[in-house]
PDB file of N, CA and C in Angstrom:
ATOM      1  N   MET A   1     131.108 136.102 171.723  1.00  0.00           N
ATOM      2  CA  MET A   1     129.944 135.981 170.848  1.00  0.00           C
ATOM      3  C   MET A   1     130.393 136.125 169.373  1.00  0.00           C
ATOM      4  N   SER A   2     129.852 135.245 168.558  1.00  0.00           N
ATOM      5  CA  SER A   2     130.172 135.350 167.113  1.00  0.00           C
ATOM      6  C   SER A   2     129.253 136.309 166.356  1.00  0.00           C
ATOM      7  N   SER A   3     129.828 137.046 165.483  1.00  0.00           N
ATOM      8  CA  SER A   3     129.069 137.947 164.733  1.00  0.00           C
ATOM      9  C   SER A   3     128.734 137.415 163.308  1.00  0.00           C
ATOM     10  N   GLU A   4     129.177 136.187 163.112  1.00  0.00           N
ATOM     11  CA  GLU A   4     128.966 135.467 161.841  1.00  0.00           C
ATOM     12  C   GLU A   4     127.507 135.058 161.667  1.00  0.00           C
ATOM     13  N   LYS A   5     126.893 135.361 160.607  1.00  0.00           N
ATOM     14  CA  LYS A   5     125.520 135.093 160.305  1.00  0.00           C
ATOM     15  C   LYS A   5     125.399 133.710 159.868  1.00  0.00           C
ATOM     16  N   THR A   6     124.373 132.998 160.371  1.00  0.00           N
ATOM     17  CA  THR A   6     124.141 131.673 159.861  1.00  0.00           C
ATOM     18  C   THR A   6     123.340 131.696 158.524  1.00  0.00           C
ATOM     19  N   VAL A   7     123.929 131.020 157.567  1.00  0.00           N
ATOM     20  CA  VAL A   7     123.356 131.062 156.172  1.00  0.00           C
ATOM     21  C   VAL A   7     122.499 129.776 156.066  1.00  0.00           C
ATOM     22  N   SER A   8     121.254 130.006 155.546  1.00  0.00           N
ATOM     23  CA  SER A   8     120.297 128.960 155.354  1.00  0.00           C
ATOM     24  C   SER A   8     120.672 128.203 154.066  1.00  0.00           C
ATOM     25  N   LEU A   9     120.156 127.031 153.911  1.00  0.00           N
ATOM     26  CA  LEU A   9     120.349 126.127 152.726  1.00  0.00           C
ATOM     27  C   LEU A   9     119.799 126.903 151.506  1.00  0.00           C
ATOM     28  N   GLU A  10     118.636 127.530 151.636  1.00  0.00           N
ATOM     29  CA  GLU A  10     118.030 128.261 150.543  1.00  0.00           C
ATOM     30  C   GLU A  10     118.928 129.385 150.088  1.00  0.00           C
ATOM     31  N   GLU A  11     119.593 130.107 151.072  1.00  0.00           N
ATOM     32  CA  GLU A  11     120.476 131.219 150.778  1.00  0.00           C
ATOM     33  C   GLU A  11     121.687 130.741 150.007  1.00  0.00           C
ATOM     34  N   ARG A  12     122.135 129.554 150.402  1.00  0.00           N
ATOM     35  CA  ARG A  12     123.378 128.994 149.754  1.00  0.00           C
ATOM     36  C   ARG A  12     123.001 128.656 148.250  1.00  0.00           C
ATOM     37  N   PHE A  13     121.799 128.058 148.063  1.00  0.00           N
ATOM     38  CA  PHE A  13     121.418 127.718 146.643  1.00  0.00           C
ATOM     39  C   PHE A  13     121.193 128.982 145.824  1.00  0.00           C
ATOM     40  N   GLU A  14     120.653 130.038 146.410  1.00  0.00           N
ATOM     41  CA  GLU A  14     120.480 131.333 145.676  1.00  0.00           C
ATOM     42  C   GLU A  14     121.850 131.911 145.309  1.00  0.00           C
ATOM     43  N   HIS A  15     122.785 131.807 146.265  1.00  0.00           N
ATOM     44  CA  HIS A  15     124.147 132.332 145.940  1.00  0.00           C
ATOM     45  C   HIS A  15     124.868 131.525 144.847  1.00  0.00           C
ATOM     46  N   ILE A  16     124.646 130.260 144.862  1.00  0.00           N
ATOM     47  CA  ILE A  16     125.208 129.375 143.846  1.00  0.00           C
ATOM     48  C   ILE A  16     124.579 129.855 142.444  1.00  0.00           C
ATOM     49  N   GLU A  17     123.315 130.008 142.444  1.00  0.00           N
ATOM     50  CA  GLU A  17     122.666 130.429 141.162  1.00  0.00           C
ATOM     51  C   GLU A  17     123.152 131.766 140.755  1.00  0.00           C
ATOM     52  N   GLU A  18     123.419 132.664 141.623  1.00  0.00           N
ATOM     53  CA  GLU A  18     123.944 134.041 141.231  1.00  0.00           C
ATOM     54  C   GLU A  18     125.342 133.843 140.673  1.00  0.00           C
ATOM     55  N   ILE A  19     126.128 132.970 141.256  1.00  0.00           N
ATOM     56  CA  ILE A  19     127.525 132.749 140.745  1.00  0.00           C
ATOM     57  C   ILE A  19     127.407 132.178 139.348  1.00  0.00           C
ATOM     58  N   ILE A  20     126.558 131.241 139.133  1.00  0.00           N
ATOM     59  CA  ILE A  20     126.440 130.675 137.829  1.00  0.00           C
ATOM     60  C   ILE A  20     126.009 131.678 136.758  1.00  0.00           C
ATOM     61  N   GLU A  21     125.033 132.578 137.139  1.00  0.00           N
ATOM     62  CA  GLU A  21     124.601 133.607 136.221  1.00  0.00           C
ATOM     63  C   GLU A  21     125.699 134.501 135.833  1.00  0.00           C
ATOM     64  N   LYS A  22     126.488 134.906 136.817  1.00  0.00           N
ATOM     65  CA  LYS A  22     127.675 135.818 136.602  1.00  0.00           C
ATOM     66  C   LYS A  22     128.679 135.171 135.634  1.00  0.00           C
ATOM     67  N   MET A  23     128.922 133.875 135.850  1.00  0.00           N
ATOM     68  CA  MET A  23     129.882 133.158 135.045  1.00  0.00           C
ATOM     69  C   MET A  23     129.367 132.950 133.610  1.00  0.00           C
ATOM     70  N   GLU A  24     128.086 132.888 133.350  1.00  0.00           N
ATOM     71  CA  GLU A  24     127.531 132.702 132.090  1.00  0.00           C
ATOM     72  C   GLU A  24     127.441 133.956 131.240  1.00  0.00           C
ATOM     73  N   THR A  25     127.662 135.105 131.860  1.00  0.00           N
ATOM     74  CA  THR A  25     127.568 136.343 131.073  1.00  0.00           C
ATOM     75  C   THR A  25     128.656 136.485 130.110  1.00  0.00           C
ATOM     76  N   GLY A  26     129.859 135.968 130.376  1.00  0.00           N
ATOM     77  CA  GLY A  26     130.965 136.071 129.503  1.00  0.00           C
ATOM     78  C   GLY A  26     131.695 137.427 129.530  1.00  0.00           C
ATOM     79  N   ASP A  27     131.170 138.415 130.363  1.00  0.00           N
ATOM     80  CA  ASP A  27     131.689 139.695 130.436  1.00  0.00           C
ATOM     81  C   ASP A  27     132.634 139.789 131.647  1.00  0.00           C
ATOM     82  N   ILE A  28     133.240 138.713 132.091  1.00  0.00           N
ATOM     83  CA  ILE A  28     134.121 138.765 133.273  1.00  0.00           C
ATOM     84  C   ILE A  28     135.521 138.306 132.889  1.00  0.00           C
ATOM     85  N   THR A  29     136.528 138.711 133.635  1.00  0.00           N
ATOM     86  CA  THR A  29     137.864 138.352 133.385  1.00  0.00           C
ATOM     87  C   THR A  29     138.099 136.902 133.755  1.00  0.00           C
ATOM     88  N   LEU A  30     139.212 136.383 133.303  1.00  0.00           N
ATOM     89  CA  LEU A  30     139.536 134.975 133.681  1.00  0.00           C
ATOM     90  C   LEU A  30     139.805 134.890 135.198  1.00  0.00           C
ATOM     91  N   ASP A  31     140.464 135.922 135.746  1.00  0.00           N
ATOM     92  CA  ASP A  31     140.739 135.895 137.175  1.00  0.00           C
ATOM     93  C   ASP A  31     139.387 135.923 137.921  1.00  0.00           C
ATOM     94  N   LYS A  32     138.451 136.726 137.522  1.00  0.00           N
ATOM     95  CA  LYS A  32     137.140 136.806 138.203  1.00  0.00           C
ATOM     96  C   LYS A  32     136.466 135.472 138.041  1.00  0.00           C
ATOM     97  N   SER A  33     136.608 134.864 136.900  1.00  0.00           N
ATOM     98  CA  SER A  33     135.986 133.594 136.628  1.00  0.00           C
ATOM     99  C   SER A  33     136.499 132.539 137.599  1.00  0.00           C
ATOM    100  N   PHE A  34     137.770 132.464 137.824  1.00  0.00           N
ATOM    101  CA  PHE A  34     138.318 131.477 138.745  1.00  0.00           C
ATOM    102  C   PHE A  34     137.940 131.800 140.196  1.00  0.00           C
ATOM    103  N   GLU A  35     137.777 133.055 140.525  1.00  0.00           N
ATOM    104  CA  GLU A  35     137.360 133.452 141.873  1.00  0.00           C
ATOM    105  C   GLU A  35     135.900 133.030 142.100  1.00  0.00           C
ATOM    106  N   LEU A  36     135.049 133.228 141.103  1.00  0.00           N
ATOM    107  CA  LEU A  36     133.699 132.817 141.223  1.00  0.00           C
ATOM    108  C   LEU A  36     133.566 131.326 141.325  1.00  0.00           C
ATOM    109  N   TYR A  37     134.401 130.618 140.531  1.00  0.00           N
ATOM    110  CA  TYR A  37     134.387 129.161 140.536  1.00  0.00           C
ATOM    111  C   TYR A  37     134.786 128.663 141.943  1.00  0.00           C
ATOM    112  N   LYS A  38     135.820 129.264 142.537  1.00  0.00           N
ATOM    113  CA  LYS A  38     136.248 128.898 143.894  1.00  0.00           C
ATOM    114  C   LYS A  38     135.092 129.095 144.906  1.00  0.00           C
ATOM    115  N   ASN A  39     134.471 130.319 144.853  1.00  0.00           N
ATOM    116  CA  ASN A  39     133.424 130.623 145.730  1.00  0.00           C
ATOM    117  C   ASN A  39     132.167 129.651 145.543  1.00  0.00           C
ATOM    118  N   GLY A  40     132.000 129.319 144.313  1.00  0.00           N
ATOM    119  CA  GLY A  40     130.853 128.378 144.040  1.00  0.00           C
ATOM    120  C   GLY A  40     131.186 127.035 144.662  1.00  0.00           C
ATOM    121  N   LEU A  41     132.358 126.505 144.520  1.00  0.00           N
ATOM    122  CA  LEU A  41     132.793 125.256 145.145  1.00  0.00           C
ATOM    123  C   LEU A  41     132.609 125.260 146.638  1.00  0.00           C
ATOM    124  N   GLU A  42     132.977 126.376 147.240  1.00  0.00           N
ATOM    125  CA  GLU A  42     132.890 126.534 148.694  1.00  0.00           C
ATOM    126  C   GLU A  42     131.384 126.488 149.121  1.00  0.00           C
ATOM    127  N   GLU A  43     130.512 127.123 148.310  1.00  0.00           N
ATOM    128  CA  GLU A  43     129.104 127.186 148.675  1.00  0.00           C
ATOM    129  C   GLU A  43     128.510 125.787 148.501  1.00  0.00           C
ATOM    130  N   ILE A  44     128.935 125.073 147.471  1.00  0.00           N
ATOM    131  CA  ILE A  44     128.425 123.723 147.158  1.00  0.00           C
ATOM    132  C   ILE A  44     128.844 122.779 148.321  1.00  0.00           C
ATOM    133  N   LYS A  45     130.151 122.904 148.737  1.00  0.00           N
ATOM    134  CA  LYS A  45     130.603 122.082 149.833  1.00  0.00           C
ATOM    135  C   LYS A  45     129.878 122.351 151.116  1.00  0.00           C
ATOM    136  N   ALA A  46     129.603 123.625 151.414  1.00  0.00           N
ATOM    137  CA  ALA A  46     128.776 124.014 152.577  1.00  0.00           C
ATOM    138  C   ALA A  46     127.349 123.493 152.508  1.00  0.00           C
ATOM    139  N   ALA A  47     126.729 123.556 151.351  1.00  0.00           N
ATOM    140  CA  ALA A  47     125.396 123.128 151.101  1.00  0.00           C
ATOM    141  C   ALA A  47     125.334 121.564 151.261  1.00  0.00           C
ATOM    142  N   ASN A  48     126.324 120.871 150.759  1.00  0.00           N
ATOM    143  CA  ASN A  48     126.363 119.414 150.885  1.00  0.00           C
ATOM    144  C   ASN A  48     126.461 119.025 152.369  1.00  0.00           C
ATOM    145  N   ALA A  49     127.332 119.770 153.160  1.00  0.00           N
ATOM    146  CA  ALA A  49     127.377 119.449 154.596  1.00  0.00           C
ATOM    147  C   ALA A  49     126.117 119.632 155.278  1.00  0.00           C
ATOM    148  N   MET A  50     125.414 120.742 154.905  1.00  0.00           N
ATOM    149  CA  MET A  50     124.064 121.042 155.492  1.00  0.00           C
ATOM    150  C   MET A  50     123.099 119.909 155.202  1.00  0.00           C
ATOM    151  N   LEU A  51     123.117 119.443 153.910  1.00  0.00           N
ATOM    152  CA  LEU A  51     122.232 118.385 153.530  1.00  0.00           C
ATOM    153  C   LEU A  51     122.533 117.064 154.250  1.00  0.00           C
ATOM    154  N   ASP A  52     123.832 116.778 154.463  1.00  0.00           N
ATOM    155  CA  ASP A  52     124.236 115.576 155.188  1.00  0.00           C
ATOM    156  C   ASP A  52     123.717 115.614 156.592  1.00  0.00           C
ATOM    157  N   ASP A  53     123.762 116.784 157.227  1.00  0.00           N
ATOM    158  CA  ASP A  53     123.221 116.975 158.572  1.00  0.00           C
ATOM    159  C   ASP A  53     121.767 116.753 158.630  1.00  0.00           C
ATOM    160  N   ILE A  54     121.084 117.267 157.684  1.00  0.00           N
ATOM    161  CA  ILE A  54     119.597 117.170 157.620  1.00  0.00           C
ATOM    162  C   ILE A  54     119.253 115.652 157.444  1.00  0.00           C
ATOM    163  N   GLU A  55     119.957 114.951 156.518  1.00  0.00           N
ATOM    164  CA  GLU A  55     119.713 113.511 156.308  1.00  0.00           C
ATOM    165  C   GLU A  55     119.946 112.701 157.585  1.00  0.00           C
ATOM    166  N   LYS A  56     120.985 113.062 158.332  1.00  0.00           N
ATOM    167  CA  LYS A  56     121.318 112.370 159.550  1.00  0.00           C
ATOM    168  C   LYS A  56     120.201 112.558 160.600  1.00  0.00           C
ATOM    169  N   ALA A  57     119.599 113.693 160.611  1.00  0.00           N
ATOM    170  CA  ALA A  57     118.591 114.039 161.544  1.00  0.00           C
ATOM    171  C   ALA A  57     117.213 113.456 161.272  1.00  0.00           C
ATOM    172  N   MET A  58     117.043 112.984 159.976  1.00  0.00           N
ATOM    173  CA  MET A  58     115.734 112.501 159.553  1.00  0.00           C
ATOM    174  C   MET A  58     115.741 110.939 159.857  1.00  0.00           C
ATOM    175  N   LEU A  59     114.978 110.613 160.818  1.00  0.00           N
ATOM    176  CA  LEU A  59     114.740 109.210 161.209  1.00  0.00           C
ATOM    177  C   LEU A  59     113.326 108.794 161.179  1.00  0.00           C
ATOM    178  N   VAL A  60     113.016 107.560 160.971  1.00  0.00           N
ATOM    179  CA  VAL A  60     111.681 107.056 160.843  1.00  0.00           C
ATOM    180  C   VAL A  60     111.519 105.968 162.041  1.00  0.00           C
ATOM    181  N   MET A  61     110.350 106.123 162.741  1.00  0.00           N
ATOM    182  CA  MET A  61     110.160 105.110 163.847  1.00  0.00           C
ATOM    183  C   MET A  61     109.410 103.917 163.201  1.00  0.00           C
ATOM    184  N   ASN A  62     110.046 102.710 163.408  1.00  0.00           N
ATOM    185  CA  ASN A  62     109.392 101.475 162.864  1.00  0.00           C
ATOM    186  C   ASN A  62     108.173 101.150 163.843  1.00  0.00           C
ATOM    187  N   GLU A  63     107.408 100.116 163.347  1.00  0.00           N
ATOM    188  CA  GLU A  63     106.330  99.641 164.236  1.00  0.00           C
ATOM    189  C   GLU A  63     106.764  99.080 165.609  1.00  0.00           C
ATOM    190  N   ASP A  64     107.930  98.597 165.654  1.00  0.00           N
ATOM    191  CA  ASP A  64     108.523  98.009 166.923  1.00  0.00           C
ATOM    192  C   ASP A  64     109.142  99.161 167.810  1.00  0.00           C
ATOM    193  N   GLY A  65     109.091 100.378 167.329  1.00  0.00           N
ATOM    194  CA  GLY A  65     109.616 101.509 168.112  1.00  0.00           C
ATOM    195  C   GLY A  65     111.085 101.788 167.865  1.00  0.00           C
ATOM    196  N   SER A  66     111.747 100.969 166.975  1.00  0.00           N
ATOM    197  CA  SER A  66     113.112 101.298 166.657  1.00  0.00           C
ATOM    198  C   SER A  66     113.224 102.355 165.585  1.00  0.00           C
ATOM    199  N   LEU A  67     114.323 103.058 165.514  1.00  0.00           N
ATOM    200  CA  LEU A  67     114.548 104.090 164.556  1.00  0.00           C
ATOM    201  C   LEU A  67     115.465 103.657 163.398  1.00  0.00           C
ATOM    202  N   GLU A  68     115.141 104.129 162.283  1.00  0.00           N
ATOM    203  CA  GLU A  68     116.055 103.949 161.111  1.00  0.00           C
ATOM    204  C   GLU A  68     116.060 105.160 160.244  1.00  0.00           C
ATOM    205  N   GLU A  69     117.033 105.258 159.362  1.00  0.00           N
ATOM    206  CA  GLU A  69     117.159 106.450 158.528  1.00  0.00           C
ATOM    207  C   GLU A  69     115.964 106.488 157.533  1.00  0.00           C
ATOM    208  N   PHE A  70     115.525 107.714 157.262  1.00  0.00           N
ATOM    209  CA  PHE A  70     114.372 107.895 156.317  1.00  0.00           C
ATOM    210  C   PHE A  70     114.843 107.736 154.904  1.00  0.00           C
TER     211      PHE A  70
END
């Protein structure tokens, strides 16, 4: 059993916003800035993967009954 919590897309966007706010304060060290940047990139990559999965799952049924991407 995995104890890892599934993070929603909304939570990922909120975390990205928090990272941006911390970086904009200017009160952080260069090392912390790089760490936040790396974490932000990881969050963006995960959010993009989630969005890709959502887009793949969204299909529209045509009048003839065939499916195509929305």
